[in-house]
Structure formats: structure tokens, C-alpha cells
Amino acid sequence: MKLLLDQNLSPRLVQLLHNDFPESIHVSEIGFAESNDRQIWQFAREQGYLIVTRDSDFMEMSTLLGSPPKVIWIRLGNCPTNEILSILRLNRDAIQELSTNVDARILILR
């Protein structure tokens, strides 16, 4: 599973998630730190990434444009990176299901 972490998530998550999601990258690693959501969406679509974000923009794009890419929307308030790491690890099976289920487009994690 290839995760593309949005700008609103810590770049440190890439290394912390390496054992669970080894192909993950952060938008800053690919020069998209200042890119608009549409550019990130297109990259994820072309390269087969699931977008992981903390805001609703990509969820709304998924509703309008369909998938791919698929979206993991983390609906937590301000919280430390370790809490986000934990929620992603705990939901690895659900993320796998999102990745493989042709009818699924969005996974909301709380």
C-alpha cells in the first residue's frame, strides 16, 4: 500500500510507518509542499497512491471526481504525530481493504 501523506501531516511519519507502509511518501519529498490539491490528486492518481490527510478537501474531491485515488481522512483534532501513527497502524487492515475494494473510495479514521 502506497500512502501519500498530505502537507498537514508530519514528514516524520514516512520513516515511522516504514515497516507497515514501506512505499509511503510525504508531499514535501516530491516537491509538492506548496502545490495545490489538484496537483497532488493527479500525482496520486497517476502513481497509485492513497492520499492520507487531516482536512476535508480530498474527501470532497473524491465525492466529485471519484477514484482513484482513494482517500484516508484522519478526523482527529490537534494531536501528536504518535497518535496519528497509532491510528494508521491500528487500522492497517481497514486501509488494506480500502486499497483492494473497488467500491470503496474513502476511509474515515477517528
Protein backbone atom coordinates (compact mmCIF):
# COMPACT_ATOMS: atom_id res chain seq x y z
CA MET A 1 0.00 0.00 0.00
CA LYS A 2 1.40 3.30 -1.09
CA LEU A 3 0.42 6.22 1.13
CA LEU A 4 0.89 9.84 0.08
CA LEU A 5 0.91 11.96 3.23
CA ASP A 6 -0.57 15.43 2.86
CA GLN A 7 1.20 18.60 3.97
CA ASN A 8 -0.91 18.74 7.14
CA LEU A 9 0.82 15.59 8.42
CA SER A 10 4.35 15.37 9.76
CA PRO A 11 7.02 14.24 7.28
CA ARG A 12 8.43 12.13 10.15
CA LEU A 13 5.54 9.72 9.63
CA VAL A 14 7.17 8.34 6.49
CA GLN A 15 10.05 6.85 8.48
CA LEU A 16 7.82 5.87 11.40
CA LEU A 17 5.45 3.99 9.05
CA HIS A 18 8.21 2.32 7.06
CA ASN A 19 7.62 -1.19 8.46
CA ASP A 20 3.86 -1.05 7.92
CA PHE A 21 3.66 1.02 4.74
CA PRO A 22 7.15 0.96 3.17
CA GLU A 23 6.22 2.77 -0.05
CA SER A 24 4.82 5.82 1.71
CA ILE A 25 5.99 9.33 0.90
CA HIS A 26 5.23 12.86 2.07
CA VAL A 27 4.22 15.56 -0.42
CA SER A 28 7.32 17.55 0.56
CA GLU A 29 9.57 14.70 -0.66
CA ILE A 30 8.27 15.05 -4.20
CA GLY A 31 8.30 18.83 -4.40
CA PHE A 32 4.58 19.25 -3.70
CA ALA A 33 4.81 21.09 -0.36
CA GLU A 34 3.39 24.23 -1.99
CA SER A 35 1.28 22.51 -4.62
CA ASN A 36 -2.46 22.78 -4.84
CA ASP A 37 -4.72 19.85 -4.04
CA ARG A 38 -5.47 19.18 -7.70
CA GLN A 39 -1.77 18.61 -8.48
CA ILE A 40 -1.41 16.26 -5.50
CA TRP A 41 -4.61 14.45 -6.56
CA GLN A 42 -3.30 13.95 -10.09
CA PHE A 43 0.07 12.67 -8.86
CA ALA A 44 -1.62 10.18 -6.52
CA ARG A 45 -3.93 9.02 -9.31
CA GLU A 46 -1.09 8.51 -11.80
CA GLN A 47 1.27 6.82 -9.33
CA GLY A 48 -1.22 4.64 -7.44
CA TYR A 49 -1.10 6.29 -4.01
CA LEU A 50 -3.76 6.52 -1.33
CA ILE A 51 -3.93 10.09 -0.03
CA VAL A 52 -3.74 10.48 3.75
CA THR A 53 -4.96 13.84 5.05
CA ARG A 54 -6.42 15.66 8.03
CA ASP A 55 -8.68 18.02 6.12
CA SER A 56 -11.82 17.53 4.09
CA ASP A 57 -10.56 18.85 0.73
CA PHE A 58 -9.56 15.48 -0.70
CA MET A 59 -12.70 13.83 0.64
CA GLU A 60 -14.74 16.42 -1.24
CA MET A 61 -12.66 15.87 -4.38
CA SER A 62 -13.30 12.14 -4.11
CA THR A 63 -17.03 12.80 -3.95
CA LEU A 64 -16.85 14.99 -7.06
CA LEU A 65 -14.25 13.14 -9.12
CA GLY A 66 -14.49 9.55 -7.92
CA SER A 67 -11.42 7.43 -7.53
CA PRO A 68 -8.59 6.74 -7.92
CA PRO A 69 -7.03 7.98 -5.82
CA LYS A 70 -8.64 6.82 -2.65
CA VAL A 71 -8.58 8.95 0.49
CA ILE A 72 -7.84 8.25 4.14
CA TRP A 73 -9.29 11.13 6.13
CA ILE A 74 -7.96 11.37 9.68
CA ARG A 75 -10.62 13.17 11.72
CA LEU A 76 -8.68 13.94 14.87
CA GLY A 77 -8.22 17.39 16.35
CA ASN A 78 -4.78 18.66 17.19
CA CYS A 79 -2.84 15.64 18.31
CA PRO A 80 0.76 14.49 18.35
CA THR A 81 2.33 12.61 15.46
CA ASN A 82 2.48 9.46 17.59
CA GLU A 83 -1.31 9.43 17.84
CA ILE A 84 -1.62 9.61 14.05
CA LEU A 85 0.98 6.88 13.74
CA SER A 86 -1.01 4.73 16.13
CA ILE A 87 -4.33 5.22 14.34
CA LEU A 88 -2.77 4.31 10.98
CA ARG A 89 -1.14 1.19 12.40
CA LEU A 90 -4.29 0.10 14.22
CA ASN A 91 -6.29 0.46 11.00
CA ARG A 92 -3.85 -1.32 8.71
CA ASP A 93 -6.45 -3.95 7.81
CA ALA A 94 -9.06 -1.29 7.01
CA ILE A 95 -6.50 0.55 4.87
CA GLN A 96 -5.75 -2.71 3.05
CA GLU A 97 -9.47 -3.20 2.46
CA LEU A 98 -9.77 0.35 1.10
CA SER A 99 -6.85 -0.33 -1.21
CA THR A 100 -8.32 -3.51 -2.69
CA ASN A 101 -12.08 -2.90 -2.59
CA VAL A 102 -13.11 -1.47 -5.97
CA ASP A 103 -16.25 0.08 -4.49
CA ALA A 104 -14.52 1.88 -1.60
CA ARG A 105 -13.26 5.45 -2.05
CA ILE A 106 -12.86 6.96 1.42
CA LEU A 107 -11.78 5.69 4.83
CA ILE A 108 -12.52 7.96 7.78
CA LEU A 109 -10.37 7.35 10.85
CA ARG A 110 -11.20 8.82 14.28
